[in-house]
Amino acid sequence: EMCIRDRASAKQSATQNVNGLTSLNDGQKREINKLISNAETRPKVQELLTQANGLNTAMKALRDSIQNTNQVKQGSNYINEDPTQQRDYNIAVNNAESTINNNTHPVLDKAEIEQLTHTVNNTENALHGIQKLKKDQQSAETEISGLTSLNDPQKTAEIAKVKAATTRTEVNQLLESSKTLNTCLLYTSDAADDLLCV
């Protein structure tokens, strides 16, 4: 009798603890509490509570990993990255969100949650848009410097626009317009005709 009462009290206490774990979703709490309720021994209850705490820690890390998603997507590292890396990051974030919101078939495997967090962090760290923008700017500057029909002030003005550009698309558009200007100037001989190229 005492043993049964102790076990019931241990289960009740464990259930309260699980319900207080703030990073678990409702489905995870429900499933863990079901396991606790079916546990045959106090050590089993304690083991489940330990697992619940570990899962809660993993879920907190997962939630934290996607907290800054909006900032990431508005940042140059994301905006100026190639579509493949952007897609990898988006998929990782979507997988994390659907796991966090999955109350019907909740994930109870801590390792699976940790893997999702790892993937979000890795795909975020793989966003190198800032470097790619700089590389495009440098290559555009080199190309503009080599345009033979532009005079030095024109080259300086075009390069200044490229340096001020905040996206790779903008850099490419500016480079194209510099080339167009160069071609136009190549085919106009006197200064009066140059005005047609602006």
N, C-alpha and C. Protein backbone atom coordinates (compact mmCIF):
# COMPACT_ATOMS: atom_id res chain seq x y z
N GLU A 1 0.84 -1.20 0.00
CA GLU A 1 0.00 0.00 0.00
C GLU A 1 0.88 1.26 0.00
N MET A 2 1.86 1.29 0.91
CA MET A 2 2.76 2.44 1.01
C MET A 2 3.49 2.64 -0.31
N CYS A 3 3.92 1.53 -0.90
CA CYS A 3 4.68 1.56 -2.15
C CYS A 3 3.82 2.17 -3.27
N ILE A 4 2.57 1.75 -3.33
CA ILE A 4 1.66 2.24 -4.37
C ILE A 4 1.43 3.73 -4.19
N ARG A 5 1.23 4.16 -2.91
CA ARG A 5 1.01 5.57 -2.64
C ARG A 5 2.25 6.39 -3.01
N ASP A 6 3.41 5.87 -2.68
CA ASP A 6 4.66 6.55 -3.02
C ASP A 6 4.79 6.71 -4.52
N ARG A 7 4.47 5.63 -5.23
CA ARG A 7 4.58 5.67 -6.69
C ARG A 7 3.58 6.68 -7.26
N ALA A 8 2.38 6.70 -6.72
CA ALA A 8 1.34 7.64 -7.18
C ALA A 8 1.79 9.07 -6.92
N SER A 9 2.37 9.29 -5.77
CA SER A 9 2.84 10.63 -5.42
C SER A 9 4.03 11.03 -6.31
N ALA A 10 4.89 10.08 -6.59
CA ALA A 10 6.05 10.34 -7.48
C ALA A 10 5.55 10.69 -8.88
N LYS A 11 4.52 9.97 -9.34
CA LYS A 11 3.95 10.24 -10.67
C LYS A 11 3.31 11.63 -10.72
N GLN A 12 2.59 11.96 -9.67
CA GLN A 12 1.91 13.25 -9.61
C GLN A 12 2.95 14.38 -9.64
N SER A 13 3.98 14.21 -8.85
CA SER A 13 5.04 15.21 -8.77
C SER A 13 5.77 15.33 -10.11
N ALA A 14 6.04 14.18 -10.74
CA ALA A 14 6.74 14.17 -12.03
C ALA A 14 5.88 14.86 -13.10
N THR A 15 4.58 14.58 -13.09
CA THR A 15 3.66 15.19 -14.05
C THR A 15 3.63 16.71 -13.89
N GLN A 16 3.62 17.16 -12.65
CA GLN A 16 3.66 18.61 -12.40
C GLN A 16 4.96 19.22 -12.95
N ASN A 17 6.06 18.50 -12.71
CA ASN A 17 7.35 18.96 -13.23
C ASN A 17 7.33 19.07 -14.75
N VAL A 18 6.82 18.04 -15.41
CA VAL A 18 6.75 18.01 -16.87
C VAL A 18 5.89 19.17 -17.37
N ASN A 19 4.74 19.39 -16.73
CA ASN A 19 3.85 20.48 -17.14
C ASN A 19 4.50 21.85 -16.99
N GLY A 20 5.50 21.94 -16.12
CA GLY A 20 6.20 23.21 -15.90
C GLY A 20 7.38 23.43 -16.83
N LEU A 21 7.68 22.45 -17.68
CA LEU A 21 8.82 22.59 -18.60
C LEU A 21 8.38 23.48 -19.77
N THR A 22 8.92 24.68 -19.83
CA THR A 22 8.38 25.72 -20.71
C THR A 22 8.74 25.57 -22.19
N SER A 23 9.75 24.78 -22.52
CA SER A 23 10.15 24.66 -23.94
C SER A 23 9.51 23.48 -24.65
N LEU A 24 8.90 22.57 -23.88
CA LEU A 24 8.20 21.44 -24.50
C LEU A 24 6.88 21.93 -25.08
N ASN A 25 6.45 21.33 -26.19
CA ASN A 25 5.11 21.67 -26.69
C ASN A 25 4.07 20.80 -25.97
N ASP A 26 2.81 21.11 -26.17
CA ASP A 26 1.74 20.40 -25.46
C ASP A 26 1.73 18.91 -25.78
N GLY A 27 2.00 18.57 -27.03
CA GLY A 27 2.02 17.16 -27.42
C GLY A 27 3.12 16.39 -26.72
N GLN A 28 4.29 16.99 -26.59
CA GLN A 28 5.40 16.33 -25.89
C GLN A 28 5.03 16.11 -24.42
N LYS A 29 4.45 17.14 -23.80
CA LYS A 29 4.04 17.00 -22.39
C LYS A 29 3.02 15.87 -22.25
N ARG A 30 2.04 15.86 -23.16
CA ARG A 30 0.98 14.84 -23.12
C ARG A 30 1.58 13.43 -23.21
N GLU A 31 2.47 13.22 -24.19
CA GLU A 31 3.04 11.88 -24.40
C GLU A 31 3.94 11.45 -23.25
N ILE A 32 4.74 12.39 -22.73
CA ILE A 32 5.63 12.05 -21.60
C ILE A 32 4.79 11.74 -20.36
N ASN A 33 3.74 12.53 -20.14
CA ASN A 33 2.87 12.28 -18.98
C ASN A 33 2.15 10.93 -19.08
N LYS A 34 1.82 10.54 -20.32
CA LYS A 34 1.22 9.22 -20.54
C LYS A 34 2.21 8.12 -20.11
N LEU A 35 3.47 8.29 -20.53
CA LEU A 35 4.51 7.31 -20.17
C LEU A 35 4.71 7.27 -18.65
N ILE A 36 4.69 8.44 -18.01
CA ILE A 36 4.85 8.51 -16.55
C ILE A 36 3.68 7.79 -15.87
N SER A 37 2.49 8.04 -16.38
CA SER A 37 1.30 7.44 -15.79
C SER A 37 1.33 5.90 -15.90
N ASN A 38 1.97 5.40 -16.97
CA ASN A 38 2.07 3.95 -17.16
C ASN A 38 3.31 3.33 -16.54
N ALA A 39 4.16 4.15 -15.95
CA ALA A 39 5.42 3.64 -15.38
C ALA A 39 5.14 2.70 -14.20
N GLU A 40 5.88 1.61 -14.14
CA GLU A 40 5.66 0.59 -13.11
C GLU A 40 6.41 0.87 -11.82
N THR A 41 7.52 1.60 -11.92
CA THR A 41 8.36 1.81 -10.73
C THR A 41 8.75 3.27 -10.57
N ARG A 42 9.15 3.64 -9.36
CA ARG A 42 9.62 5.01 -9.12
C ARG A 42 10.88 5.32 -9.92
N PRO A 43 11.85 4.38 -10.01
CA PRO A 43 13.03 4.68 -10.84
C PRO A 43 12.66 4.95 -12.30
N LYS A 44 11.63 4.25 -12.79
CA LYS A 44 11.18 4.48 -14.17
C LYS A 44 10.60 5.88 -14.29
N VAL A 45 9.83 6.32 -13.30
CA VAL A 45 9.27 7.67 -13.28
C VAL A 45 10.41 8.69 -13.30
N GLN A 46 11.42 8.44 -12.47
CA GLN A 46 12.57 9.35 -12.38
C GLN A 46 13.32 9.41 -13.71
N GLU A 47 13.47 8.26 -14.35
CA GLU A 47 14.15 8.17 -15.65
C GLU A 47 13.40 9.00 -16.71
N LEU A 48 12.07 8.88 -16.71
CA LEU A 48 11.25 9.63 -17.67
C LEU A 48 11.34 11.14 -17.41
N LEU A 49 11.40 11.51 -16.12
CA LEU A 49 11.52 12.92 -15.77
C LEU A 49 12.88 13.47 -16.24
N THR A 50 13.91 12.68 -16.09
CA THR A 50 15.25 13.06 -16.56
C THR A 50 15.23 13.25 -18.08
N GLN A 51 14.58 12.31 -18.78
CA GLN A 51 14.46 12.42 -20.24
C GLN A 51 13.68 13.68 -20.62
N ALA A 52 12.63 13.97 -19.89
CA ALA A 52 11.81 15.15 -20.17
C ALA A 52 12.64 16.42 -20.00
N ASN A 53 13.46 16.47 -18.97
CA ASN A 53 14.32 17.64 -18.75
C ASN A 53 15.34 17.79 -19.87
N GLY A 54 15.89 16.67 -20.32
CA GLY A 54 16.85 16.70 -21.43
C GLY A 54 16.19 17.17 -22.72
N LEU A 55 14.98 16.69 -22.94
CA LEU A 55 14.22 17.06 -24.13
C LEU A 55 13.86 18.56 -24.08
N ASN A 56 13.52 19.03 -22.88
CA ASN A 56 13.19 20.44 -22.69
C ASN A 56 14.39 21.33 -23.04
N THR A 57 15.58 20.92 -22.60
CA THR A 57 16.81 21.67 -22.91
C THR A 57 17.06 21.70 -24.41
N ALA A 58 16.86 20.55 -25.06
CA ALA A 58 17.05 20.46 -26.51
C ALA A 58 16.02 21.32 -27.25
N MET A 59 14.79 21.33 -26.77
CA MET A 59 13.73 22.13 -27.39
C MET A 59 13.99 23.63 -27.22
N LYS A 60 14.55 24.00 -26.07
CA LYS A 60 14.89 25.42 -25.86
C LYS A 60 15.95 25.85 -26.87
N ALA A 61 16.95 25.01 -27.07
CA ALA A 61 18.01 25.32 -28.05
C ALA A 61 17.42 25.42 -29.46
N LEU A 62 16.47 24.54 -29.77
CA LEU A 62 15.82 24.57 -31.09
C LEU A 62 15.02 25.87 -31.26
N ARG A 63 14.25 26.21 -30.25
CA ARG A 63 13.47 27.46 -30.30
C ARG A 63 14.41 28.66 -30.44
N ASP A 64 15.49 28.66 -29.67
CA ASP A 64 16.46 29.77 -29.73
C ASP A 64 17.11 29.89 -31.11
N SER A 65 17.34 28.75 -31.76
CA SER A 65 18.05 28.75 -33.05
C SER A 65 17.26 29.46 -34.15
N ILE A 66 15.93 29.56 -33.97
CA ILE A 66 15.12 30.22 -35.02
C ILE A 66 14.55 31.56 -34.55
N GLN A 67 14.95 32.01 -33.37
CA GLN A 67 14.47 33.29 -32.83
C GLN A 67 14.78 34.46 -33.77
N ASN A 68 15.96 34.41 -34.40
CA ASN A 68 16.44 35.55 -35.19
C ASN A 68 16.22 35.37 -36.69
N THR A 69 15.31 34.48 -37.06
CA THR A 69 15.08 34.19 -38.48
C THR A 69 14.78 35.43 -39.30
N ASN A 70 13.93 36.33 -38.77
CA ASN A 70 13.60 37.54 -39.53
C ASN A 70 14.82 38.42 -39.77
N GLN A 71 15.64 38.59 -38.73
CA GLN A 71 16.87 39.39 -38.89
C GLN A 71 17.79 38.73 -39.92
N VAL A 72 17.92 37.41 -39.84
CA VAL A 72 18.79 36.69 -40.78
C VAL A 72 18.32 36.96 -42.21
N LYS A 73 17.01 36.83 -42.45
CA LYS A 73 16.47 36.97 -43.80
C LYS A 73 16.53 38.41 -44.32
N GLN A 74 16.65 39.37 -43.41
CA GLN A 74 16.76 40.76 -43.83
C GLN A 74 18.22 41.19 -43.95
N GLY A 75 19.15 40.33 -43.55
CA GLY A 75 20.57 40.68 -43.56
C GLY A 75 21.23 40.39 -44.89
N SER A 76 22.34 41.07 -45.12
CA SER A 76 23.09 40.94 -46.38
C SER A 76 23.60 39.51 -46.60
N ASN A 77 23.96 38.82 -45.51
CA ASN A 77 24.46 37.45 -45.66
C ASN A 77 23.43 36.54 -46.32
N TYR A 78 22.14 36.79 -46.04
CA TYR A 78 21.07 36.00 -46.63
C TYR A 78 20.69 36.57 -48.00
N ILE A 79 20.43 37.87 -48.04
CA ILE A 79 19.95 38.52 -49.27
C ILE A 79 20.91 38.30 -50.44
N ASN A 80 22.21 38.38 -50.17
CA ASN A 80 23.21 38.29 -51.24
C ASN A 80 23.78 36.88 -51.41
N GLU A 81 23.14 35.91 -50.77
CA GLU A 81 23.58 34.52 -50.90
C GLU A 81 22.92 33.90 -52.13
N ASP A 82 23.48 32.79 -52.60
CA ASP A 82 22.91 32.07 -53.73
C ASP A 82 21.63 31.35 -53.30
N PRO A 83 20.71 31.11 -54.25
CA PRO A 83 19.42 30.48 -53.90
C PRO A 83 19.55 29.14 -53.18
N THR A 84 20.56 28.35 -53.51
CA THR A 84 20.70 27.03 -52.87
C THR A 84 20.90 27.16 -51.36
N GLN A 85 21.81 28.05 -50.95
CA GLN A 85 22.08 28.24 -49.52
C GLN A 85 20.88 28.88 -48.82
N GLN A 86 20.20 29.79 -49.51
CA GLN A 86 18.98 30.38 -48.93
C GLN A 86 17.94 29.29 -48.71
N ARG A 87 17.78 28.43 -49.71
CA ARG A 87 16.79 27.34 -49.62
C ARG A 87 17.15 26.38 -48.48
N ASP A 88 18.43 26.04 -48.35
CA ASP A 88 18.85 25.14 -47.26
C ASP A 88 18.49 25.72 -45.89
N TYR A 89 18.74 27.02 -45.74
CA TYR A 89 18.40 27.69 -44.47
C TYR A 89 16.88 27.68 -44.25
N ASN A 90 16.12 28.02 -45.30
CA ASN A 90 14.65 28.05 -45.19
C ASN A 90 14.09 26.69 -44.81
N ILE A 91 14.62 25.64 -45.41
CA ILE A 91 14.16 24.28 -45.12
C ILE A 91 14.46 23.92 -43.66
N ALA A 92 15.67 24.25 -43.20
CA ALA A 92 16.06 23.96 -41.81
C ALA A 92 15.12 24.67 -40.83
N VAL A 93 14.83 25.94 -41.12
CA VAL A 93 13.93 26.72 -40.25
C VAL A 93 12.51 26.13 -40.29
N ASN A 94 12.04 25.78 -41.49
CA ASN A 94 10.69 25.18 -41.61
C ASN A 94 10.60 23.87 -40.85
N ASN A 95 11.64 23.04 -40.94
CA ASN A 95 11.66 21.76 -40.21
C ASN A 95 11.63 22.00 -38.71
N ALA A 96 12.38 22.98 -38.26
CA ALA A 96 12.40 23.31 -36.82
C ALA A 96 11.01 23.78 -36.38
N GLU A 97 10.43 24.68 -37.16
CA GLU A 97 9.11 25.22 -36.80
C GLU A 97 8.04 24.13 -36.78
N SER A 98 8.08 23.23 -37.78
CA SER A 98 7.03 22.22 -37.80
C SER A 98 7.21 21.22 -36.65
N THR A 99 8.44 20.99 -36.21
CA THR A 99 8.66 20.11 -35.05
C THR A 99 8.18 20.80 -33.77
N ILE A 100 8.48 22.08 -33.65
CA ILE A 100 8.04 22.85 -32.47
C ILE A 100 6.51 22.87 -32.39
N ASN A 101 5.85 22.96 -33.54
CA ASN A 101 4.39 23.07 -33.56
C ASN A 101 3.67 21.73 -33.71
N ASN A 102 4.43 20.64 -33.74
CA ASN A 102 3.82 19.33 -33.96
C ASN A 102 3.31 18.75 -32.64
N ASN A 103 2.04 18.98 -32.37
CA ASN A 103 1.42 18.44 -31.15
C ASN A 103 0.74 17.10 -31.38
N THR A 104 0.48 16.77 -32.64
CA THR A 104 -0.22 15.52 -32.97
C THR A 104 0.71 14.32 -32.84
N HIS A 105 1.88 14.43 -33.49
CA HIS A 105 2.89 13.35 -33.41
C HIS A 105 4.20 13.97 -32.93
N PRO A 106 4.25 14.34 -31.64
CA PRO A 106 5.41 15.08 -31.14
C PRO A 106 6.70 14.24 -31.17
N VAL A 107 7.81 14.92 -31.40
CA VAL A 107 9.11 14.26 -31.39
C VAL A 107 9.59 14.18 -29.95
N LEU A 108 9.88 12.95 -29.49
CA LEU A 108 10.36 12.76 -28.12
C LEU A 108 11.84 12.40 -28.11
N ASP A 109 12.43 12.28 -29.29
CA ASP A 109 13.84 11.88 -29.40
C ASP A 109 14.73 13.13 -29.34
N LYS A 110 15.46 13.24 -28.24
CA LYS A 110 16.32 14.40 -28.00
C LYS A 110 17.35 14.55 -29.12
N ALA A 111 17.92 13.44 -29.58
CA ALA A 111 18.95 13.49 -30.64
C ALA A 111 18.38 14.08 -31.93
N GLU A 112 17.13 13.76 -32.22
CA GLU A 112 16.47 14.29 -33.44
C GLU A 112 16.30 15.81 -33.33
N ILE A 113 15.92 16.27 -32.15
CA ILE A 113 15.76 17.71 -31.90
C ILE A 113 17.12 18.41 -32.03
N GLU A 114 18.15 17.81 -31.44
CA GLU A 114 19.50 18.39 -31.50
C GLU A 114 20.01 18.47 -32.93
N GLN A 115 19.66 17.47 -33.74
CA GLN A 115 20.07 17.47 -35.15
C GLN A 115 19.40 18.63 -35.91
N LEU A 116 18.14 18.88 -35.61
CA LEU A 116 17.43 19.99 -36.24
C LEU A 116 18.09 21.33 -35.89
N THR A 117 18.45 21.48 -34.62
CA THR A 117 19.12 22.72 -34.16
C THR A 117 20.45 22.89 -34.87
N HIS A 118 21.19 21.80 -34.93
CA HIS A 118 22.50 21.77 -35.58
C HIS A 118 22.37 22.21 -37.05
N THR A 119 21.34 21.71 -37.73
CA THR A 119 21.12 22.04 -39.14
C THR A 119 20.77 23.52 -39.32
N VAL A 120 19.91 24.05 -38.43
CA VAL A 120 19.58 25.48 -38.51
C VAL A 120 20.86 26.31 -38.35
N ASN A 121 21.64 25.99 -37.31
CA ASN A 121 22.87 26.76 -37.05
C ASN A 121 23.86 26.63 -38.19
N ASN A 122 24.03 25.42 -38.71
CA ASN A 122 24.99 25.20 -39.81
C ASN A 122 24.58 25.93 -41.08
N THR A 123 23.29 25.88 -41.42
CA THR A 123 22.84 26.53 -42.65
C THR A 123 22.88 28.05 -42.50
N GLU A 124 22.67 28.54 -41.28
CA GLU A 124 22.80 29.99 -41.05
C GLU A 124 24.26 30.41 -41.19
N ASN A 125 25.16 29.61 -40.62
CA ASN A 125 26.60 29.92 -40.71
C ASN A 125 27.14 29.78 -42.12
N ALA A 126 26.41 29.06 -42.97
CA ALA A 126 26.85 28.86 -44.36
C ALA A 126 26.40 30.00 -45.28
N LEU A 127 25.68 30.98 -44.73
CA LEU A 127 25.26 32.13 -45.53
C LEU A 127 26.40 33.14 -45.60
N HIS A 128 26.95 33.31 -46.81
CA HIS A 128 28.12 34.19 -46.98
C HIS A 128 27.84 35.29 -48.00
N GLY A 129 26.64 35.85 -47.95
CA GLY A 129 26.25 36.88 -48.91
C GLY A 129 27.12 38.12 -48.89
N ILE A 130 27.59 38.52 -47.71
CA ILE A 130 28.43 39.72 -47.60
C ILE A 130 29.71 39.53 -48.42
N GLN A 131 30.34 38.37 -48.26
CA GLN A 131 31.56 38.07 -49.03
C GLN A 131 31.27 38.03 -50.52
N LYS A 132 30.14 37.45 -50.89
CA LYS A 132 29.80 37.33 -52.32
C LYS A 132 29.50 38.70 -52.93
N LEU A 133 28.88 39.58 -52.15
CA LEU A 133 28.63 40.95 -52.61
C LEU A 133 29.96 41.66 -52.86
N LYS A 134 30.89 41.54 -51.89
CA LYS A 134 32.22 42.19 -52.03
C LYS A 134 32.95 41.67 -53.26
N LYS A 135 32.88 40.37 -53.46
CA LYS A 135 33.55 39.74 -54.61
C LYS A 135 32.96 40.29 -55.92
N ASP A 136 31.64 40.37 -56.00
CA ASP A 136 30.98 40.92 -57.20
C ASP A 136 31.35 42.39 -57.39
N GLN A 137 31.41 43.14 -56.30
CA GLN A 137 31.78 44.56 -56.39
C GLN A 137 33.21 44.70 -56.93
N GLN A 138 34.13 43.89 -56.38
CA GLN A 138 35.53 43.97 -56.83
C GLN A 138 35.65 43.61 -58.30
N SER A 139 34.94 42.58 -58.71
CA SER A 139 35.05 42.16 -60.11
C SER A 139 34.40 43.20 -61.03
N ALA A 140 33.31 43.84 -60.59
CA ALA A 140 32.68 44.92 -61.37
C ALA A 140 33.62 46.13 -61.48
N GLU A 141 34.27 46.47 -60.37
CA GLU A 141 35.23 47.59 -60.38
C GLU A 141 36.35 47.34 -61.39
N THR A 142 36.88 46.13 -61.37
CA THR A 142 37.96 45.76 -62.31
C THR A 142 37.47 45.89 -63.75
N GLU A 143 36.26 45.40 -63.98
CA GLU A 143 35.72 45.44 -65.33
C GLU A 143 35.47 46.88 -65.79
N ILE A 144 34.91 47.71 -64.91
CA ILE A 144 34.64 49.11 -65.24
C ILE A 144 35.95 49.86 -65.49
N SER A 145 36.97 49.58 -64.68
CA SER A 145 38.29 50.22 -64.87
C SER A 145 38.86 49.92 -66.25
N GLY A 146 38.49 48.78 -66.80
CA GLY A 146 39.03 48.37 -68.11
C GLY A 146 38.19 48.83 -69.29
N LEU A 147 37.09 49.54 -69.04
CA LEU A 147 36.25 50.01 -70.15
C LEU A 147 36.96 51.19 -70.84
N THR A 148 37.30 51.01 -72.10
CA THR A 148 38.19 51.95 -72.80
C THR A 148 37.53 53.24 -73.25
N SER A 149 36.21 53.28 -73.42
CA SER A 149 35.57 54.50 -73.90
C SER A 149 35.16 55.45 -72.77
N LEU A 150 35.25 54.98 -71.52
CA LEU A 150 34.91 55.86 -70.39
C LEU A 150 36.15 56.64 -69.97
N ASN A 151 35.98 57.94 -69.67
CA ASN A 151 37.11 58.71 -69.14
C ASN A 151 37.21 58.46 -67.62
N ASP A 152 38.29 58.92 -67.01
CA ASP A 152 38.50 58.64 -65.58
C ASP A 152 37.37 59.12 -64.67
N PRO A 153 36.87 60.35 -64.85
CA PRO A 153 35.76 60.77 -63.99
C PRO A 153 34.52 59.88 -64.15
N GLN A 154 34.25 59.43 -65.39
CA GLN A 154 33.11 58.53 -65.61
C GLN A 154 33.34 57.19 -64.89
N LYS A 155 34.55 56.66 -65.03
CA LYS A 155 34.87 55.39 -64.34
C LYS A 155 34.72 55.55 -62.84
N THR A 156 35.25 56.64 -62.29
CA THR A 156 35.17 56.90 -60.85
C THR A 156 33.71 56.97 -60.41
N ALA A 157 32.88 57.64 -61.19
CA ALA A 157 31.45 57.78 -60.84
C ALA A 157 30.75 56.42 -60.88
N GLU A 158 31.04 55.62 -61.91
CA GLU A 158 30.41 54.29 -62.02
C GLU A 158 30.86 53.38 -60.89
N ILE A 159 32.16 53.42 -60.57
CA ILE A 159 32.71 52.58 -59.50
C ILE A 159 32.12 52.98 -58.15
N ALA A 160 31.93 54.28 -57.94
CA ALA A 160 31.33 54.76 -56.68
C ALA A 160 29.93 54.18 -56.50
N LYS A 161 29.17 54.11 -57.59
CA LYS A 161 27.82 53.54 -57.53
C LYS A 161 27.89 52.05 -57.15
N VAL A 162 28.85 51.35 -57.75
CA VAL A 162 29.03 49.92 -57.47
C VAL A 162 29.38 49.71 -55.99
N LYS A 163 30.29 50.54 -55.47
CA LYS A 163 30.71 50.41 -54.07
C LYS A 163 29.55 50.69 -53.12
N ALA A 164 28.61 51.55 -53.54
CA ALA A 164 27.47 51.90 -52.68
C ALA A 164 26.34 50.87 -52.78
N ALA A 165 26.40 50.01 -53.76
CA ALA A 165 25.33 49.03 -53.97
C ALA A 165 25.24 48.07 -52.78
N THR A 166 24.00 47.69 -52.42
CA THR A 166 23.82 46.80 -51.27
C THR A 166 23.41 45.38 -51.66
N THR A 167 23.15 45.18 -52.97
CA THR A 167 22.81 43.82 -53.41
C THR A 167 23.61 43.45 -54.65
N ARG A 168 23.81 42.15 -54.83
CA ARG A 168 24.54 41.65 -56.00
C ARG A 168 23.79 41.97 -57.29
N THR A 169 22.46 41.94 -57.22
CA THR A 169 21.63 42.27 -58.39
C THR A 169 21.91 43.69 -58.83
N GLU A 170 21.96 44.59 -57.86
CA GLU A 170 22.23 46.00 -58.13
C GLU A 170 23.62 46.17 -58.75
N VAL A 171 24.61 45.46 -58.22
CA VAL A 171 25.98 45.52 -58.75
C VAL A 171 25.97 45.10 -60.22
N ASN A 172 25.28 44.01 -60.52
CA ASN A 172 25.24 43.52 -61.91
C ASN A 172 24.52 44.49 -62.84
N GLN A 173 23.45 45.12 -62.34
CA GLN A 173 22.73 46.12 -63.15
C GLN A 173 23.63 47.32 -63.43
N LEU A 174 24.36 47.76 -62.43
CA LEU A 174 25.27 48.91 -62.59
C LEU A 174 26.39 48.58 -63.57
N LEU A 175 26.91 47.36 -63.48
CA LEU A 175 27.97 46.93 -64.41
C LEU A 175 27.44 46.93 -65.84
N GLU A 176 26.24 46.40 -66.02
CA GLU A 176 25.63 46.37 -67.37
C GLU A 176 25.43 47.78 -67.91
N SER A 177 24.96 48.70 -67.05
CA SER A 177 24.74 50.07 -67.54
C SER A 177 26.08 50.75 -67.86
N SER A 178 27.13 50.43 -67.12
CA SER A 178 28.47 50.97 -67.43
C SER A 178 28.95 50.45 -68.78
N LYS A 179 28.70 49.17 -69.04
CA LYS A 179 29.11 48.58 -70.33
C LYS A 179 28.31 49.20 -71.48
N THR A 180 27.01 49.42 -71.24
CA THR A 180 26.16 50.05 -72.25
C THR A 180 26.65 51.45 -72.57
N LEU A 181 26.98 52.21 -71.53
CA LEU A 181 27.51 53.56 -71.70
C LEU A 181 28.82 53.50 -72.50
N ASN A 182 29.67 52.55 -72.15
CA ASN A 182 30.95 52.38 -72.84
C ASN A 182 30.74 52.10 -74.33
N THR A 183 29.82 51.20 -74.65
CA THR A 183 29.51 50.84 -76.04
C THR A 183 28.96 52.05 -76.79
N CYS A 184 28.07 52.78 -76.15
CA CYS A 184 27.47 53.96 -76.76
C CYS A 184 28.56 55.00 -77.08
N LEU A 185 29.44 55.23 -76.12
CA LEU A 185 30.51 56.22 -76.32
C LEU A 185 31.48 55.79 -77.42
N LEU A 186 31.65 54.49 -77.53
CA LEU A 186 32.55 53.94 -78.55
C LEU A 186 32.07 54.32 -79.95
N TYR A 187 30.74 54.38 -80.12
CA TYR A 187 30.18 54.63 -81.46
C TYR A 187 29.80 56.08 -81.70
N THR A 188 30.01 56.96 -80.73
CA THR A 188 29.75 58.38 -80.96
C THR A 188 31.08 59.09 -81.00
N SER A 189 31.31 59.89 -82.06
CA SER A 189 32.64 60.44 -82.24
C SER A 189 32.83 61.79 -81.57
N ASP A 190 31.85 62.69 -81.69
CA ASP A 190 32.12 64.01 -81.13
C ASP A 190 31.35 64.24 -79.83
N ALA A 191 31.74 65.26 -79.11
CA ALA A 191 31.22 65.54 -77.76
C ALA A 191 29.71 65.75 -77.76
N ALA A 192 29.18 66.34 -78.80
CA ALA A 192 27.73 66.59 -78.86
C ALA A 192 26.95 65.28 -78.85
N ASP A 193 27.46 64.30 -79.58
CA ASP A 193 26.79 62.99 -79.63
C ASP A 193 26.86 62.26 -78.28
N ASP A 194 27.90 62.56 -77.48
CA ASP A 194 28.06 61.90 -76.18
C ASP A 194 26.84 62.06 -75.29
N LEU A 195 26.14 63.20 -75.49
CA LEU A 195 24.96 63.47 -74.67
C LEU A 195 23.86 62.43 -74.90
N LEU A 196 23.87 61.78 -76.06
CA LEU A 196 22.88 60.75 -76.39
C LEU A 196 23.09 59.50 -75.52
N CYS A 197 24.29 59.35 -74.96
CA CYS A 197 24.62 58.14 -74.23
C CYS A 197 24.24 58.19 -72.75
N VAL A 198 23.79 59.35 -72.27
CA VAL A 198 23.55 59.47 -70.83
C VAL A 198 22.19 58.87 -70.48
